Amino acid sequence: MFESRLICICGLPGIGSVGKVATDYLATALECSTIIPFFSRSFPPQVMVSGGLAKLMHAQLMRTKEKENLLILSGDAQPLDVVGMHELAGNILQAIKELGVTDVITLAAYVGETNESVLGTATDADAATALGECNIPLLRSGAIGGLNGLLAGMAPLYDLRGFCLLATSSGSDPVDIRAANNLLCAINELLHLDIDITLMEPVIEEPQEAVTYEVDMNYR
């Protein structure tokens, strides 16, 4: 399915931060280094401070140390407005196309009724069928908002295949480690990455009593 393809895995902050947590883990495990930073006037008007250093919010495209067919995209935030989202998505897709990327896989959350831990969708019928053959059940209806949706959905406009893997989440946890772990398991198996993800397991707590919250479905 992905043989002889150059893949970019993307995960921006959204519901439960599941996509960002998963991609940040991949970036660490694969010893990634930044090759292109992306800035946007639509990012929240603040800077990120770490170790006394202040940096503008940005997304970053990273290259792995050893896997030549894989790039990782993560970021500090999503743009605050629709125009900014479309502009940033277009800039990212144009940049990765010029690097030879053929497939975009975004990681996100799914809040809804399902017995599956991870669902998938793709931008063409053959790719969707291939996901099913890889034991990833398809999301049959709904919407995927924000950059995690746009990067996959806009991919065909740049002659790329788009995929989105969504981990089931209650939507009540600011950081859903269990859902992020499920995404890592799925992407690990799908791409045969052979990454040790056991470091995620000790911090996964037992399920707590369900609490109902309002969920913004636009940022999966």
N, C-alpha and C. Protein backbone atom coordinates (compact mmCIF):
# COMPACT_ATOMS: atom_id res chain seq x y z
N MET A 1 0.83 -1.22 0.00
CA MET A 1 0.00 0.00 0.00
C MET A 1 0.86 1.27 0.00
N PHE A 2 1.95 1.25 0.76
CA PHE A 2 2.81 2.41 0.85
C PHE A 2 4.24 2.12 0.37
N GLU A 3 4.42 0.99 -0.31
CA GLU A 3 5.74 0.66 -0.82
C GLU A 3 6.17 1.69 -1.87
N SER A 4 7.42 2.11 -1.79
CA SER A 4 8.00 3.07 -2.74
C SER A 4 7.26 4.40 -2.74
N ARG A 5 6.68 4.75 -1.59
CA ARG A 5 5.99 6.03 -1.44
C ARG A 5 6.73 6.88 -0.41
N LEU A 6 6.64 8.19 -0.54
CA LEU A 6 7.18 9.10 0.46
C LEU A 6 6.01 9.65 1.25
N ILE A 7 6.00 9.42 2.54
CA ILE A 7 4.83 9.68 3.38
C ILE A 7 5.12 10.81 4.36
N CYS A 8 4.13 11.66 4.57
CA CYS A 8 4.21 12.69 5.60
C CYS A 8 3.09 12.45 6.61
N ILE A 9 3.47 12.19 7.86
CA ILE A 9 2.50 12.00 8.94
C ILE A 9 2.31 13.33 9.64
N CYS A 10 1.07 13.78 9.76
CA CYS A 10 0.77 15.09 10.32
C CYS A 10 -0.13 14.98 11.54
N GLY A 11 0.16 15.76 12.57
CA GLY A 11 -0.70 15.81 13.73
C GLY A 11 -0.62 17.16 14.41
N LEU A 12 -1.69 17.93 14.33
CA LEU A 12 -1.76 19.24 14.96
C LEU A 12 -2.69 19.18 16.17
N PRO A 13 -2.55 20.11 17.12
CA PRO A 13 -3.41 20.09 18.31
C PRO A 13 -4.89 20.08 17.93
N GLY A 14 -5.66 19.26 18.62
CA GLY A 14 -7.09 19.16 18.40
C GLY A 14 -7.73 18.54 19.61
N ILE A 15 -8.84 17.85 19.43
CA ILE A 15 -9.53 17.20 20.54
C ILE A 15 -8.60 16.21 21.23
N GLY A 16 -8.41 16.38 22.53
CA GLY A 16 -7.56 15.50 23.30
C GLY A 16 -6.09 15.56 22.91
N SER A 17 -5.74 16.47 22.02
CA SER A 17 -4.36 16.60 21.52
C SER A 17 -3.81 15.27 21.00
N VAL A 18 -4.70 14.37 20.56
CA VAL A 18 -4.25 13.02 20.23
C VAL A 18 -3.29 13.01 19.03
N GLY A 19 -3.57 13.83 18.01
CA GLY A 19 -2.69 13.85 16.85
C GLY A 19 -1.33 14.42 17.18
N LYS A 20 -1.31 15.51 17.95
CA LYS A 20 -0.03 16.13 18.31
C LYS A 20 0.79 15.22 19.22
N VAL A 21 0.15 14.60 20.22
CA VAL A 21 0.88 13.71 21.12
C VAL A 21 1.51 12.56 20.33
N ALA A 22 0.73 11.99 19.41
CA ALA A 22 1.23 10.86 18.63
C ALA A 22 2.40 11.26 17.73
N THR A 23 2.26 12.40 17.02
CA THR A 23 3.34 12.81 16.12
C THR A 23 4.58 13.27 16.89
N ASP A 24 4.38 13.91 18.03
CA ASP A 24 5.54 14.31 18.84
C ASP A 24 6.29 13.08 19.35
N TYR A 25 5.55 12.03 19.70
CA TYR A 25 6.20 10.79 20.13
C TYR A 25 7.00 10.19 18.97
N LEU A 26 6.38 10.17 17.78
CA LEU A 26 7.08 9.65 16.61
C LEU A 26 8.34 10.45 16.32
N ALA A 27 8.23 11.77 16.44
CA ALA A 27 9.38 12.63 16.15
C ALA A 27 10.54 12.34 17.10
N THR A 28 10.21 12.07 18.36
CA THR A 28 11.26 11.74 19.33
C THR A 28 11.83 10.35 19.07
N ALA A 29 10.94 9.37 18.86
CA ALA A 29 11.38 7.99 18.66
C ALA A 29 12.22 7.84 17.39
N LEU A 30 11.91 8.62 16.37
CA LEU A 30 12.62 8.53 15.09
C LEU A 30 13.74 9.55 14.97
N GLU A 31 14.03 10.26 16.06
CA GLU A 31 15.14 11.22 16.11
C GLU A 31 15.06 12.22 14.96
N CYS A 32 13.93 12.92 14.91
CA CYS A 32 13.69 13.85 13.81
C CYS A 32 14.39 15.19 14.02
N SER A 33 14.67 15.85 12.92
CA SER A 33 15.21 17.21 12.94
C SER A 33 14.39 18.08 12.00
N THR A 34 14.17 19.33 12.39
CA THR A 34 13.34 20.24 11.61
C THR A 34 14.03 20.65 10.31
N ILE A 35 13.26 20.61 9.23
CA ILE A 35 13.80 21.05 7.94
C ILE A 35 13.08 22.30 7.42
N ILE A 36 11.78 22.44 7.77
CA ILE A 36 11.03 23.63 7.35
C ILE A 36 10.09 24.05 8.48
N PRO A 37 10.19 25.29 8.97
CA PRO A 37 9.20 25.81 9.91
C PRO A 37 8.10 26.55 9.13
N PHE A 38 6.88 26.50 9.63
CA PHE A 38 5.76 27.21 9.00
C PHE A 38 5.16 28.17 10.02
N PHE A 39 5.03 29.44 9.62
CA PHE A 39 4.45 30.46 10.49
C PHE A 39 3.15 30.96 9.87
N SER A 40 2.29 31.51 10.70
CA SER A 40 1.01 32.03 10.21
C SER A 40 0.56 33.20 11.06
N ARG A 41 0.06 34.24 10.40
CA ARG A 41 -0.51 35.38 11.13
C ARG A 41 -1.80 34.99 11.85
N SER A 42 -2.34 33.84 11.52
CA SER A 42 -3.58 33.38 12.14
C SER A 42 -3.36 32.51 13.36
N PHE A 43 -2.11 32.24 13.70
CA PHE A 43 -1.84 31.52 14.95
C PHE A 43 -2.23 32.41 16.13
N PRO A 44 -2.52 31.83 17.30
CA PRO A 44 -2.84 32.63 18.48
C PRO A 44 -1.75 33.67 18.74
N PRO A 45 -2.12 34.87 19.19
CA PRO A 45 -1.15 35.95 19.38
C PRO A 45 -0.35 35.78 20.67
N GLN A 46 0.55 34.85 20.67
CA GLN A 46 1.38 34.58 21.84
C GLN A 46 2.64 33.86 21.40
N VAL A 47 3.62 33.78 22.29
CA VAL A 47 4.83 33.03 22.02
C VAL A 47 4.92 31.88 23.00
N MET A 48 5.68 30.85 22.61
CA MET A 48 5.91 29.70 23.47
C MET A 48 7.25 29.89 24.18
N VAL A 49 7.25 29.71 25.50
CA VAL A 49 8.47 29.90 26.28
C VAL A 49 8.92 28.56 26.86
N SER A 50 10.18 28.24 26.63
CA SER A 50 10.76 27.01 27.17
C SER A 50 12.22 27.26 27.50
N GLY A 51 12.59 26.95 28.73
CA GLY A 51 13.97 27.15 29.15
C GLY A 51 14.42 28.58 29.08
N GLY A 52 13.47 29.50 29.26
CA GLY A 52 13.79 30.91 29.23
C GLY A 52 13.80 31.53 27.85
N LEU A 53 13.57 30.71 26.80
CA LEU A 53 13.59 31.20 25.43
C LEU A 53 12.17 31.33 24.89
N ALA A 54 11.88 32.46 24.24
CA ALA A 54 10.56 32.71 23.66
C ALA A 54 10.61 32.48 22.15
N LYS A 55 9.65 31.71 21.64
CA LYS A 55 9.60 31.43 20.21
C LYS A 55 8.18 31.62 19.69
N LEU A 56 8.08 32.14 18.47
CA LEU A 56 6.77 32.27 17.84
C LEU A 56 6.14 30.90 17.64
N MET A 57 4.82 30.85 17.77
CA MET A 57 4.11 29.62 17.46
C MET A 57 4.34 29.25 16.01
N HIS A 58 4.52 27.98 15.75
CA HIS A 58 4.75 27.54 14.38
C HIS A 58 4.47 26.04 14.26
N ALA A 59 4.37 25.60 13.03
CA ALA A 59 4.35 24.17 12.72
C ALA A 59 5.72 23.83 12.15
N GLN A 60 6.13 22.59 12.27
CA GLN A 60 7.46 22.23 11.78
C GLN A 60 7.42 20.90 11.04
N LEU A 61 8.03 20.92 9.86
CA LEU A 61 8.21 19.70 9.08
C LEU A 61 9.56 19.12 9.44
N MET A 62 9.55 17.82 9.78
CA MET A 62 10.77 17.18 10.28
C MET A 62 11.14 15.97 9.44
N ARG A 63 12.45 15.75 9.34
CA ARG A 63 12.98 14.58 8.65
C ARG A 63 13.48 13.60 9.70
N THR A 64 13.20 12.32 9.48
CA THR A 64 13.66 11.30 10.42
C THR A 64 15.14 10.99 10.18
N LYS A 65 15.79 10.43 11.19
CA LYS A 65 17.22 10.17 11.10
C LYS A 65 17.54 9.04 10.12
N GLU A 66 16.69 7.99 10.09
CA GLU A 66 17.04 6.82 9.29
C GLU A 66 16.02 6.45 8.23
N LYS A 67 14.74 6.75 8.42
CA LYS A 67 13.71 6.32 7.48
C LYS A 67 13.55 7.36 6.38
N GLU A 68 14.10 7.06 5.20
CA GLU A 68 14.15 8.02 4.11
C GLU A 68 12.78 8.27 3.48
N ASN A 69 11.82 7.38 3.74
CA ASN A 69 10.51 7.53 3.10
C ASN A 69 9.48 8.16 4.03
N LEU A 70 9.93 8.85 5.08
CA LEU A 70 8.99 9.36 6.07
C LEU A 70 9.36 10.76 6.56
N LEU A 71 8.37 11.66 6.55
CA LEU A 71 8.48 12.99 7.15
C LEU A 71 7.40 13.11 8.22
N ILE A 72 7.65 13.98 9.20
CA ILE A 72 6.70 14.20 10.29
C ILE A 72 6.39 15.69 10.37
N LEU A 73 5.10 16.02 10.53
CA LEU A 73 4.69 17.40 10.73
C LEU A 73 3.94 17.53 12.04
N SER A 74 4.41 18.43 12.89
CA SER A 74 3.72 18.73 14.14
C SER A 74 3.65 20.25 14.28
N GLY A 75 3.03 20.73 15.36
CA GLY A 75 2.92 22.17 15.52
C GLY A 75 2.42 22.57 16.89
N ASP A 76 2.55 23.86 17.18
CA ASP A 76 2.15 24.39 18.48
C ASP A 76 0.65 24.65 18.57
N ALA A 77 0.02 24.96 17.44
CA ALA A 77 -1.39 25.35 17.46
C ALA A 77 -1.96 25.25 16.06
N GLN A 78 -3.27 25.49 15.96
CA GLN A 78 -3.93 25.63 14.68
C GLN A 78 -4.32 27.10 14.49
N PRO A 79 -4.40 27.56 13.25
CA PRO A 79 -4.86 28.94 13.01
C PRO A 79 -6.24 29.18 13.61
N LEU A 80 -6.51 30.43 13.96
CA LEU A 80 -7.76 30.76 14.63
C LEU A 80 -8.90 31.04 13.66
N ASP A 81 -8.61 31.19 12.37
CA ASP A 81 -9.67 31.51 11.42
C ASP A 81 -9.60 30.60 10.20
N VAL A 82 -10.71 30.53 9.49
CA VAL A 82 -10.84 29.61 8.36
C VAL A 82 -9.85 29.94 7.24
N VAL A 83 -9.71 31.22 6.90
CA VAL A 83 -8.79 31.62 5.84
C VAL A 83 -7.36 31.21 6.19
N GLY A 84 -6.98 31.45 7.44
CA GLY A 84 -5.64 31.08 7.88
C GLY A 84 -5.40 29.60 7.80
N MET A 85 -6.42 28.81 8.11
CA MET A 85 -6.29 27.35 8.03
C MET A 85 -6.04 26.91 6.59
N HIS A 86 -6.83 27.45 5.67
CA HIS A 86 -6.66 27.06 4.27
C HIS A 86 -5.31 27.51 3.72
N GLU A 87 -4.88 28.70 4.09
CA GLU A 87 -3.59 29.20 3.60
C GLU A 87 -2.44 28.35 4.13
N LEU A 88 -2.46 28.04 5.42
CA LEU A 88 -1.38 27.24 6.00
C LEU A 88 -1.38 25.83 5.43
N ALA A 89 -2.57 25.24 5.29
CA ALA A 89 -2.66 23.89 4.70
C ALA A 89 -2.07 23.89 3.30
N GLY A 90 -2.40 24.91 2.50
CA GLY A 90 -1.86 24.99 1.15
C GLY A 90 -0.36 25.15 1.13
N ASN A 91 0.17 25.98 2.02
CA ASN A 91 1.62 26.18 2.09
C ASN A 91 2.35 24.89 2.46
N ILE A 92 1.77 24.16 3.41
CA ILE A 92 2.39 22.90 3.84
C ILE A 92 2.36 21.87 2.72
N LEU A 93 1.20 21.74 2.07
CA LEU A 93 1.06 20.74 1.01
C LEU A 93 1.96 21.06 -0.17
N GLN A 94 2.09 22.34 -0.53
CA GLN A 94 2.97 22.72 -1.63
C GLN A 94 4.42 22.39 -1.30
N ALA A 95 4.81 22.64 -0.05
CA ALA A 95 6.19 22.39 0.36
C ALA A 95 6.52 20.90 0.34
N ILE A 96 5.61 20.08 0.85
CA ILE A 96 5.92 18.65 0.90
C ILE A 96 5.83 18.02 -0.49
N LYS A 97 4.98 18.58 -1.35
CA LYS A 97 4.95 18.09 -2.74
C LYS A 97 6.29 18.33 -3.40
N GLU A 98 6.87 19.51 -3.18
CA GLU A 98 8.16 19.84 -3.79
C GLU A 98 9.27 18.95 -3.26
N LEU A 99 9.07 18.36 -2.08
CA LEU A 99 10.05 17.43 -1.52
C LEU A 99 9.85 16.01 -2.01
N GLY A 100 8.79 15.79 -2.81
CA GLY A 100 8.54 14.48 -3.36
C GLY A 100 7.56 13.62 -2.60
N VAL A 101 6.88 14.20 -1.60
CA VAL A 101 5.88 13.44 -0.84
C VAL A 101 4.75 12.99 -1.76
N THR A 102 4.28 11.76 -1.54
CA THR A 102 3.18 11.21 -2.34
C THR A 102 1.92 10.98 -1.51
N ASP A 103 2.09 10.81 -0.19
CA ASP A 103 0.96 10.47 0.67
C ASP A 103 0.98 11.30 1.95
N VAL A 104 -0.17 11.83 2.33
CA VAL A 104 -0.32 12.58 3.58
C VAL A 104 -1.24 11.78 4.50
N ILE A 105 -0.74 11.47 5.70
CA ILE A 105 -1.55 10.77 6.69
C ILE A 105 -1.70 11.68 7.90
N THR A 106 -2.91 12.15 8.16
CA THR A 106 -3.12 12.98 9.34
C THR A 106 -3.68 12.13 10.48
N LEU A 107 -3.39 12.55 11.70
CA LEU A 107 -3.82 11.84 12.89
C LEU A 107 -4.74 12.74 13.69
N ALA A 108 -5.89 12.22 14.08
CA ALA A 108 -6.89 13.06 14.73
C ALA A 108 -7.73 12.23 15.69
N ALA A 109 -8.76 12.86 16.25
CA ALA A 109 -9.65 12.20 17.21
C ALA A 109 -11.05 12.05 16.63
N TYR A 110 -11.74 11.01 17.08
CA TYR A 110 -13.14 10.81 16.72
C TYR A 110 -13.97 10.74 17.99
N VAL A 111 -14.98 11.60 18.08
CA VAL A 111 -15.89 11.58 19.22
C VAL A 111 -17.26 11.15 18.71
N GLY A 112 -17.69 9.96 19.05
CA GLY A 112 -18.97 9.45 18.57
C GLY A 112 -19.16 8.01 18.97
N GLU A 113 -20.27 7.43 18.53
CA GLU A 113 -20.61 6.06 18.88
C GLU A 113 -19.89 5.08 17.96
N THR A 114 -19.00 4.30 18.52
CA THR A 114 -18.30 3.25 17.76
C THR A 114 -17.64 2.29 18.73
N ASN A 115 -17.49 1.06 18.29
CA ASN A 115 -16.78 0.07 19.09
C ASN A 115 -15.31 -0.05 18.69
N GLU A 116 -14.92 0.73 17.68
CA GLU A 116 -13.56 0.66 17.17
C GLU A 116 -12.65 1.65 17.91
N SER A 117 -11.40 1.27 18.11
CA SER A 117 -10.45 2.19 18.75
C SER A 117 -9.87 3.18 17.76
N VAL A 118 -9.78 2.80 16.48
CA VAL A 118 -9.26 3.67 15.43
C VAL A 118 -10.09 3.49 14.17
N LEU A 119 -10.43 4.59 13.53
CA LEU A 119 -11.13 4.58 12.25
C LEU A 119 -10.27 5.29 11.22
N GLY A 120 -10.55 5.05 9.94
CA GLY A 120 -9.76 5.69 8.90
C GLY A 120 -10.61 6.18 7.75
N THR A 121 -10.06 7.08 6.98
CA THR A 121 -10.70 7.56 5.77
C THR A 121 -9.62 7.94 4.77
N ALA A 122 -9.96 8.00 3.51
CA ALA A 122 -8.98 8.33 2.46
C ALA A 122 -9.68 9.12 1.37
N THR A 123 -8.89 9.76 0.52
CA THR A 123 -9.45 10.65 -0.48
C THR A 123 -9.74 9.99 -1.82
N ASP A 124 -9.51 8.70 -1.94
CA ASP A 124 -9.94 7.98 -3.14
C ASP A 124 -10.36 6.57 -2.75
N ALA A 125 -11.20 5.96 -3.60
CA ALA A 125 -11.81 4.69 -3.26
C ALA A 125 -10.78 3.57 -3.09
N ASP A 126 -9.78 3.53 -3.94
CA ASP A 126 -8.77 2.47 -3.85
C ASP A 126 -7.99 2.56 -2.54
N ALA A 127 -7.64 3.79 -2.14
CA ALA A 127 -6.91 3.97 -0.88
C ALA A 127 -7.77 3.60 0.31
N ALA A 128 -9.06 3.94 0.24
CA ALA A 128 -9.97 3.59 1.33
C ALA A 128 -10.10 2.07 1.44
N THR A 129 -10.20 1.40 0.30
CA THR A 129 -10.27 -0.06 0.30
C THR A 129 -9.01 -0.66 0.90
N ALA A 130 -7.88 -0.08 0.57
CA ALA A 130 -6.61 -0.58 1.09
C ALA A 130 -6.54 -0.42 2.60
N LEU A 131 -7.09 0.67 3.14
CA LEU A 131 -7.14 0.83 4.60
C LEU A 131 -7.92 -0.30 5.24
N GLY A 132 -9.07 -0.61 4.65
CA GLY A 132 -9.89 -1.70 5.17
C GLY A 132 -9.15 -3.02 5.14
N GLU A 133 -8.39 -3.25 4.08
CA GLU A 133 -7.62 -4.49 3.96
C GLU A 133 -6.48 -4.54 4.99
N CYS A 134 -6.10 -3.38 5.53
CA CYS A 134 -5.08 -3.31 6.58
C CYS A 134 -5.71 -3.30 7.97
N ASN A 135 -6.96 -3.74 8.03
CA ASN A 135 -7.68 -3.87 9.30
C ASN A 135 -7.94 -2.55 9.99
N ILE A 136 -8.09 -1.49 9.22
CA ILE A 136 -8.50 -0.20 9.77
C ILE A 136 -9.91 0.09 9.27
N PRO A 137 -10.92 -0.03 10.15
CA PRO A 137 -12.31 0.21 9.73
C PRO A 137 -12.49 1.63 9.22
N LEU A 138 -13.37 1.81 8.25
CA LEU A 138 -13.57 3.11 7.65
C LEU A 138 -14.61 3.93 8.40
N LEU A 139 -14.34 5.22 8.51
CA LEU A 139 -15.34 6.16 9.00
C LEU A 139 -16.33 6.38 7.87
N ARG A 140 -17.59 6.01 8.11
CA ARG A 140 -18.57 6.00 7.02
C ARG A 140 -19.25 7.34 6.79
N SER A 141 -19.28 8.20 7.81
CA SER A 141 -19.91 9.51 7.64
C SER A 141 -19.40 10.45 8.71
N GLY A 142 -19.66 11.73 8.54
CA GLY A 142 -19.22 12.71 9.52
C GLY A 142 -18.34 13.76 8.87
N ALA A 143 -17.64 14.52 9.69
CA ALA A 143 -16.76 15.59 9.22
C ALA A 143 -15.51 15.62 10.07
N ILE A 144 -14.40 16.01 9.45
CA ILE A 144 -13.12 16.14 10.15
C ILE A 144 -12.67 17.58 9.96
N GLY A 145 -12.71 18.35 11.03
CA GLY A 145 -12.44 19.78 10.92
C GLY A 145 -11.00 20.14 11.22
N GLY A 146 -10.67 21.40 10.98
CA GLY A 146 -9.34 21.90 11.30
C GLY A 146 -8.29 21.40 10.33
N LEU A 147 -7.02 21.67 10.66
CA LEU A 147 -5.93 21.29 9.77
C LEU A 147 -5.81 19.80 9.58
N ASN A 148 -6.13 19.02 10.62
CA ASN A 148 -6.03 17.56 10.48
C ASN A 148 -7.01 17.05 9.41
N GLY A 149 -8.10 17.77 9.21
CA GLY A 149 -9.01 17.43 8.13
C GLY A 149 -8.57 18.02 6.80
N LEU A 150 -8.19 19.31 6.82
CA LEU A 150 -7.84 19.99 5.58
C LEU A 150 -6.61 19.41 4.91
N LEU A 151 -5.59 19.07 5.69
CA LEU A 151 -4.36 18.54 5.08
C LEU A 151 -4.63 17.25 4.32
N ALA A 152 -5.51 16.41 4.86
CA ALA A 152 -5.88 15.19 4.15
C ALA A 152 -6.81 15.50 2.99
N GLY A 153 -7.83 16.33 3.24
CA GLY A 153 -8.83 16.61 2.22
C GLY A 153 -8.31 17.39 1.04
N MET A 154 -7.36 18.30 1.28
CA MET A 154 -6.81 19.12 0.19
C MET A 154 -5.68 18.43 -0.55
N ALA A 155 -5.21 17.30 -0.04
CA ALA A 155 -4.06 16.61 -0.65
C ALA A 155 -4.24 16.35 -2.15
N PRO A 156 -5.41 15.89 -2.62
CA PRO A 156 -5.55 15.63 -4.07
C PRO A 156 -5.38 16.88 -4.92
N LEU A 157 -5.60 18.07 -4.36
CA LEU A 157 -5.39 19.30 -5.11
C LEU A 157 -3.92 19.49 -5.46
N TYR A 158 -3.06 18.78 -4.75
CA TYR A 158 -1.61 18.85 -4.98
C TYR A 158 -1.08 17.51 -5.49
N ASP A 159 -1.99 16.71 -6.06
CA ASP A 159 -1.64 15.41 -6.64
C ASP A 159 -1.07 14.45 -5.59
N LEU A 160 -1.58 14.53 -4.36
CA LEU A 160 -1.16 13.64 -3.29
C LEU A 160 -2.35 12.80 -2.82
N ARG A 161 -2.07 11.64 -2.26
CA ARG A 161 -3.12 10.85 -1.63
C ARG A 161 -3.29 11.33 -0.19
N GLY A 162 -4.53 11.46 0.24
CA GLY A 162 -4.79 11.91 1.60
C GLY A 162 -5.45 10.82 2.43
N PHE A 163 -4.98 10.67 3.67
CA PHE A 163 -5.54 9.72 4.61
C PHE A 163 -5.71 10.42 5.95
N CYS A 164 -6.67 9.95 6.72
CA CYS A 164 -6.79 10.41 8.10
C CYS A 164 -7.13 9.21 8.98
N LEU A 165 -6.35 9.03 10.04
CA LEU A 165 -6.63 8.02 11.04
C LEU A 165 -7.16 8.73 12.28
N LEU A 166 -8.28 8.26 12.79
CA LEU A 166 -8.93 8.91 13.92
C LEU A 166 -9.07 7.93 15.08
N ALA A 167 -8.55 8.31 16.23
CA ALA A 167 -8.67 7.48 17.43
C ALA A 167 -9.91 7.90 18.21
N THR A 168 -10.66 6.92 18.65
CA THR A 168 -11.86 7.20 19.43
C THR A 168 -11.49 7.87 20.75
N SER A 169 -12.18 8.97 21.05
CA SER A 169 -11.92 9.72 22.27
C SER A 169 -13.23 10.21 22.85
N SER A 170 -13.29 10.32 24.17
CA SER A 170 -14.49 10.87 24.82
C SER A 170 -14.61 12.36 24.57
N GLY A 171 -13.48 13.01 24.29
CA GLY A 171 -13.49 14.45 24.10
C GLY A 171 -13.45 15.21 25.40
N SER A 172 -13.42 14.50 26.52
CA SER A 172 -13.47 15.17 27.84
C SER A 172 -12.09 15.43 28.43
N ASP A 173 -11.06 14.74 27.91
CA ASP A 173 -9.72 14.90 28.45
C ASP A 173 -8.92 15.91 27.64
N PRO A 174 -8.30 16.89 28.28
CA PRO A 174 -7.45 17.84 27.54
C PRO A 174 -6.35 17.14 26.76
N VAL A 175 -5.81 16.07 27.35
CA VAL A 175 -4.81 15.24 26.66
C VAL A 175 -5.22 13.79 26.82
N ASP A 176 -5.62 13.16 25.73
CA ASP A 176 -6.10 11.78 25.77
C ASP A 176 -4.95 10.85 25.35
N ILE A 177 -4.17 10.42 26.34
CA ILE A 177 -3.01 9.58 26.08
C ILE A 177 -3.42 8.22 25.51
N ARG A 178 -4.51 7.67 26.01
CA ARG A 178 -4.95 6.36 25.53
C ARG A 178 -5.26 6.40 24.03
N ALA A 179 -5.97 7.44 23.59
CA ALA A 179 -6.30 7.57 22.18
C ALA A 179 -5.04 7.78 21.34
N ALA A 180 -4.11 8.59 21.84
CA ALA A 180 -2.85 8.80 21.12
C ALA A 180 -2.08 7.50 21.00
N ASN A 181 -2.11 6.70 22.04
CA ASN A 181 -1.44 5.40 22.00
C ASN A 181 -2.06 4.49 20.94
N ASN A 182 -3.39 4.54 20.84
CA ASN A 182 -4.07 3.73 19.82
C ASN A 182 -3.67 4.17 18.41
N LEU A 183 -3.50 5.46 18.22
CA LEU A 183 -3.03 5.95 16.91
C LEU A 183 -1.62 5.45 16.61
N LEU A 184 -0.77 5.48 17.62
CA LEU A 184 0.61 5.00 17.43
C LEU A 184 0.63 3.52 17.08
N CYS A 185 -0.21 2.74 17.74
CA CYS A 185 -0.28 1.31 17.43
C CYS A 185 -0.71 1.11 15.97
N ALA A 186 -1.71 1.89 15.53
CA ALA A 186 -2.23 1.74 14.17
C ALA A 186 -1.19 2.14 13.13
N ILE A 187 -0.53 3.29 13.33
CA ILE A 187 0.44 3.77 12.35
C ILE A 187 1.69 2.90 12.36
N ASN A 188 2.04 2.38 13.53
CA ASN A 188 3.19 1.48 13.65
C ASN A 188 2.99 0.24 12.80
N GLU A 189 1.78 -0.31 12.87
CA GLU A 189 1.47 -1.53 12.11
C GLU A 189 1.27 -1.22 10.63
N LEU A 190 0.60 -0.12 10.34
CA LEU A 190 0.30 0.22 8.95
C LEU A 190 1.56 0.46 8.13
N LEU A 191 2.54 1.14 8.74
CA LEU A 191 3.76 1.50 8.02
C LEU A 191 4.96 0.62 8.38
N HIS A 192 4.73 -0.38 9.23
CA HIS A 192 5.79 -1.30 9.64
C HIS A 192 7.00 -0.53 10.18
N LEU A 193 6.73 0.40 11.10
CA LEU A 193 7.79 1.26 11.61
C LEU A 193 8.66 0.59 12.66
N ASP A 194 8.13 -0.43 13.33
CA ASP A 194 8.89 -1.14 14.36
C ASP A 194 9.39 -0.19 15.44
N ILE A 195 8.50 0.68 15.91
CA ILE A 195 8.84 1.64 16.96
C ILE A 195 8.35 1.10 18.31
N ASP A 196 9.17 1.24 19.32
CA ASP A 196 8.79 0.84 20.67
C ASP A 196 7.84 1.89 21.24
N ILE A 197 6.57 1.53 21.44
CA ILE A 197 5.61 2.49 21.98
C ILE A 197 5.23 2.15 23.42
N THR A 198 5.99 1.26 24.05
CA THR A 198 5.67 0.88 25.43
C THR A 198 5.89 2.03 26.40
N LEU A 199 6.69 3.03 26.00
CA LEU A 199 6.92 4.17 26.88
C LEU A 199 5.63 4.97 27.11
N MET A 200 4.65 4.81 26.21
CA MET A 200 3.38 5.49 26.39
C MET A 200 2.49 4.78 27.40
N GLU A 201 2.69 3.49 27.57
CA GLU A 201 1.74 2.68 28.33
C GLU A 201 1.69 2.98 29.83
N PRO A 202 2.83 3.22 30.53
CA PRO A 202 2.75 3.43 31.97
C PRO A 202 1.91 4.63 32.39
N VAL A 203 1.75 5.63 31.50
CA VAL A 203 1.01 6.82 31.89
C VAL A 203 -0.47 6.72 31.55
N ILE A 204 -0.88 5.58 30.98
CA ILE A 204 -2.30 5.40 30.66
C ILE A 204 -3.03 4.92 31.90
N GLU A 205 -4.00 5.71 32.36
CA GLU A 205 -4.74 5.36 33.55
C GLU A 205 -5.97 4.54 33.19
N GLU A 206 -6.52 3.88 34.19
CA GLU A 206 -7.74 3.12 33.97
C GLU A 206 -8.88 4.08 33.66
N PRO A 207 -9.87 3.65 32.86
CA PRO A 207 -10.97 4.54 32.50
C PRO A 207 -11.70 5.05 33.73
N GLN A 208 -12.02 6.34 33.73
CA GLN A 208 -12.77 6.94 34.81
C GLN A 208 -14.24 7.04 34.43
N GLU A 209 -15.07 7.36 35.40
CA GLU A 209 -16.49 7.52 35.14
C GLU A 209 -16.70 8.61 34.11
N ALA A 210 -17.53 8.34 33.14
CA ALA A 210 -17.72 9.26 32.03
C ALA A 210 -18.31 10.59 32.51
N VAL A 211 -17.79 11.68 31.95
CA VAL A 211 -18.31 13.01 32.23
C VAL A 211 -18.64 13.66 30.90
N THR A 212 -19.78 14.33 30.81
CA THR A 212 -20.22 14.93 29.57
C THR A 212 -19.74 16.37 29.47
N TYR A 213 -19.12 16.71 28.34
CA TYR A 213 -18.64 18.07 28.09
C TYR A 213 -19.09 18.49 26.71
N GLU A 214 -19.14 19.81 26.50
CA GLU A 214 -19.35 20.33 25.16
C GLU A 214 -18.07 20.12 24.36
N VAL A 215 -18.17 19.57 23.17
CA VAL A 215 -16.98 19.28 22.35
C VAL A 215 -17.06 20.06 21.06
N ASP A 216 -15.97 20.77 20.75
CA ASP A 216 -15.86 21.47 19.48
C ASP A 216 -15.41 20.48 18.42
N MET A 217 -16.33 20.05 17.57
CA MET A 217 -16.02 19.01 16.60
C MET A 217 -15.20 19.52 15.42
N ASN A 218 -14.91 20.84 15.39
CA ASN A 218 -14.17 21.39 14.26
C ASN A 218 -12.67 21.16 14.36
N TYR A 219 -12.21 20.69 15.51
CA TYR A 219 -10.76 20.56 15.69
C TYR A 219 -10.44 19.16 16.15
N ARG A 220 -10.47 18.24 15.25
CA ARG A 220 -10.16 16.86 15.56
C ARG A 220 -8.67 16.62 15.43
